[in-house]
Protein backbone atom coordinates (compact mmCIF):
# COMPACT_ATOMS: atom_id res chain seq x y z
CA UNK A 1 0.00 0.00 0.00
CA UNK A 2 1.29 3.39 -0.88
CA UNK A 3 1.59 6.11 1.79
CA UNK A 4 -0.76 8.39 -0.11
CA UNK A 5 -3.65 5.93 0.17
CA UNK A 6 -3.62 5.92 3.99
CA UNK A 7 -3.84 9.68 4.29
CA UNK A 8 -7.21 11.29 4.42
CA UNK A 9 -7.67 13.81 1.80
CA UNK A 10 -8.97 17.18 3.00
CA UNK A 11 -11.79 18.60 1.00
CA UNK A 12 -11.73 22.31 0.61
CA UNK A 13 -15.02 23.95 1.54
CA UNK A 14 -16.43 26.64 -0.63
CA UNK A 15 -16.04 30.29 0.25
CA UNK A 16 -19.80 30.63 0.79
CA UNK A 17 -19.84 27.83 3.33
CA UNK A 18 -16.85 29.24 5.23
CA UNK A 19 -18.51 32.68 5.42
CA UNK A 20 -21.75 31.09 6.60
CA UNK A 21 -19.96 29.19 9.36
CA UNK A 22 -18.18 32.35 10.44
CA UNK A 23 -21.49 34.26 10.55
CA UNK A 24 -23.05 31.60 12.76
CA UNK A 25 -20.05 31.82 15.08
CA UNK A 26 -20.38 35.58 15.29
CA UNK A 27 -24.11 35.26 16.06
CA UNK A 28 -23.39 32.76 18.85
CA UNK A 29 -20.79 35.05 20.41
CA UNK A 30 -23.17 38.03 20.09
CA UNK A 31 -25.99 36.06 21.74
CA UNK A 32 -23.74 35.04 24.63
CA UNK A 33 -22.54 38.62 25.10
CA UNK A 34 -26.07 40.02 24.97
CA UNK A 35 -27.38 37.50 27.51
CA UNK A 36 -24.41 38.23 29.79
CA UNK A 37 -25.13 41.96 29.60
CA UNK A 38 -28.83 41.37 30.29
CA UNK A 39 -28.05 39.26 33.37
CA UNK A 40 -25.59 41.89 34.58
CA UNK A 41 -28.15 44.66 34.00
CA UNK A 42 -30.75 42.77 36.06
CA UNK A 43 -28.32 42.28 38.94
CA UNK A 44 -27.12 45.90 38.91
CA UNK A 45 -30.72 47.17 38.85
CA UNK A 46 -31.57 44.95 41.82
CA UNK A 47 -28.59 46.16 43.85
CA UNK A 48 -29.30 49.80 42.92
CA UNK A 49 -32.94 49.55 43.97
CA UNK A 50 -32.15 47.72 47.19
CA UNK A 51 -29.33 50.05 48.16
CA UNK A 52 -31.67 53.07 48.22
CA UNK A 53 -33.30 51.58 51.33
CA UNK A 54 -30.57 49.28 52.64
CA UNK A 55 -28.07 52.08 53.21
CA UNK A 56 -30.30 53.55 55.91
CA UNK A 57 -31.07 50.19 57.49
CA UNK A 58 -27.42 49.09 57.54
CA UNK A 59 -25.10 52.08 57.84
CA UNK A 60 -26.69 54.92 59.80
CA UNK A 61 -25.65 54.36 63.41
CA UNK A 62 -26.39 57.21 65.81
CA UNK A 63 -28.27 59.69 63.67
CA UNK A 64 -32.01 59.30 63.30
CA UNK A 65 -32.50 55.95 65.07
CA UNK A 66 -35.41 55.41 67.38
CA UNK A 67 -38.70 53.61 67.97
CA UNK A 68 -41.91 54.01 66.03
CA UNK A 69 -45.29 52.84 67.26
CA UNK A 70 -47.49 51.81 64.33
CA UNK A 71 -50.89 53.47 64.74
CA UNK A 72 -52.52 53.20 61.30
CA UNK A 73 -51.93 51.43 58.00
CA UNK A 74 -53.31 52.57 54.65
CA UNK A 75 -52.23 51.51 51.21
CA UNK A 76 -48.62 50.39 51.26
CA UNK A 77 -47.48 52.53 54.22
CA UNK A 78 -48.01 52.46 57.98
CA UNK A 79 -47.76 55.63 60.07
CA UNK A 80 -47.19 56.47 63.71
CA UNK A 81 -45.25 58.62 66.17
CA UNK A 82 -41.45 58.44 66.33
CA UNK A 83 -39.32 58.79 69.45
CA UNK A 84 -35.53 58.97 69.01
CA UNK A 85 -33.50 56.56 71.13
CA UNK A 86 -30.36 58.69 71.44
CA UNK A 87 -28.37 61.34 69.66
CA UNK A 88 -29.54 64.56 68.08
CA UNK A 89 -32.85 63.26 66.81
CA UNK A 90 -36.13 64.93 67.62
CA UNK A 91 -39.61 63.53 68.20
CA UNK A 92 -41.87 63.40 65.18
CA UNK A 93 -45.64 63.15 65.43
CA UNK A 94 -45.99 61.10 62.26
CA UNK A 95 -43.52 59.06 60.24
CA UNK A 96 -44.30 56.35 57.70
CA UNK A 97 -42.77 52.93 57.13
CA UNK A 98 -43.45 50.21 54.54
CA UNK A 99 -46.54 48.19 55.51
CA UNK A 100 -44.78 44.85 55.19
CA UNK A 101 -42.22 45.98 57.75
CA UNK A 102 -44.59 46.26 60.73
CA UNK A 103 -47.94 45.19 62.19
CA UNK A 104 -50.49 47.65 63.57
CA UNK A 105 -49.80 48.48 67.23
CA UNK A 106 -46.24 47.17 67.11
CA UNK A 107 -43.20 49.11 68.26
CA UNK A 108 -40.40 48.80 65.72
CA UNK A 109 -36.88 50.16 65.64
CA UNK A 110 -36.48 52.48 62.66
CA UNK A 111 -34.21 55.11 61.24
CA UNK A 112 -35.64 58.23 59.64
CA UNK A 113 -34.30 59.29 56.25
CA UNK A 114 -32.72 62.74 56.60
CA UNK A 115 -35.03 65.60 55.68
CA UNK A 116 -38.14 63.41 55.30
CA UNK A 117 -40.77 61.70 57.42
CA UNK A 118 -40.08 58.32 55.82
CA UNK A 119 -38.70 55.66 58.12
CA UNK A 120 -36.84 52.46 57.34
CA UNK A 121 -36.93 49.48 59.66
CA UNK A 122 -33.52 48.57 61.08
CA UNK A 123 -32.10 45.36 62.49
CA UNK A 124 -31.97 42.00 60.74
CA UNK A 125 -35.58 42.17 59.55
CA UNK A 126 -35.12 45.65 58.09
CA UNK A 127 -31.90 44.75 56.31
CA UNK A 128 -33.41 41.59 54.82
CA UNK A 129 -36.55 43.48 53.75
CA UNK A 130 -34.40 46.14 52.08
CA UNK A 131 -32.63 43.51 49.94
CA UNK A 132 -35.85 41.93 48.58
CA UNK A 133 -35.51 43.67 45.16
CA UNK A 134 -32.02 42.19 44.80
CA UNK A 135 -33.43 38.74 45.59
CA UNK A 136 -35.98 39.18 42.81
CA UNK A 137 -33.28 40.25 40.39
CA UNK A 138 -31.27 37.13 41.31
CA UNK A 139 -34.27 34.99 40.40
CA UNK A 140 -34.76 36.76 37.08
CA UNK A 141 -31.07 36.71 36.22
CA UNK A 142 -30.97 32.98 36.97
CA UNK A 143 -33.49 32.42 34.18
CA UNK A 144 -31.36 34.42 31.76
CA UNK A 145 -28.19 32.62 32.80
CA UNK A 146 -29.81 29.20 32.41
CA UNK A 147 -31.59 29.88 29.13
CA UNK A 148 -29.34 32.33 27.36
CA UNK A 149 -25.89 31.42 28.63
CA UNK A 150 -26.51 27.70 29.19
CA UNK A 151 -24.82 27.85 32.61
CA UNK A 152 -27.27 25.70 34.50
CA UNK A 153 -25.30 25.18 37.71
CA UNK A 154 -24.59 28.87 38.05
CA UNK A 155 -28.25 29.60 37.43
CA UNK A 156 -29.32 27.11 40.11
CA UNK A 157 -27.00 28.74 42.64
CA UNK A 158 -28.27 32.23 41.75
CA UNK A 159 -31.89 31.11 41.91
CA UNK A 160 -31.45 29.35 45.25
CA UNK A 161 -29.68 32.37 46.74
CA UNK A 162 -32.54 34.61 45.61
CA UNK A 163 -35.16 32.23 47.01
CA UNK A 164 -33.33 31.91 50.34
CA UNK A 165 -33.02 35.70 50.63
CA UNK A 166 -36.73 36.15 49.89
CA UNK A 167 -37.68 33.43 52.35
CA UNK A 168 -35.46 34.87 55.08
CA UNK A 169 -36.88 38.35 54.55
CA UNK A 170 -40.48 37.22 54.90
CA UNK A 171 -39.67 34.92 57.84
CA UNK A 172 -37.92 37.78 59.67
CA UNK A 173 -40.87 40.11 59.29
């Protein structure tokens, strides 16, 4: 047998086929990049939304902390009088807090946003409640990661973290 008969002969593909294969490759890379950007956008939006409330629940130490007694709830907000616990705060006749953060008649520890009458619940329950939008964005991003990026294990981890955060927030309240 001659050495040329054992070699496989490469068949040259046409220019049209090579361009088509390259275009499909470019589309696959574009899809992966777009899905990655969408997942990142969802996560950044969740953190941004949560941080608007979480910064007051987590970081403000001496200024504006006190107790609020829930006297009435209407719509999505509960209102009541506020008494500062220490520091330079002053008593307020009426501040409002998110309805899910307190029951009627309960005394809850809150911090008042500077220059407003809006209060944010502090402590573990307040911090967990503030991060609920981020938990929702984790759940949504998990769907994008699983479907668009085909990273199923990563998506499961993201989805489970979001579900645990949501469950902990509602259990703490």
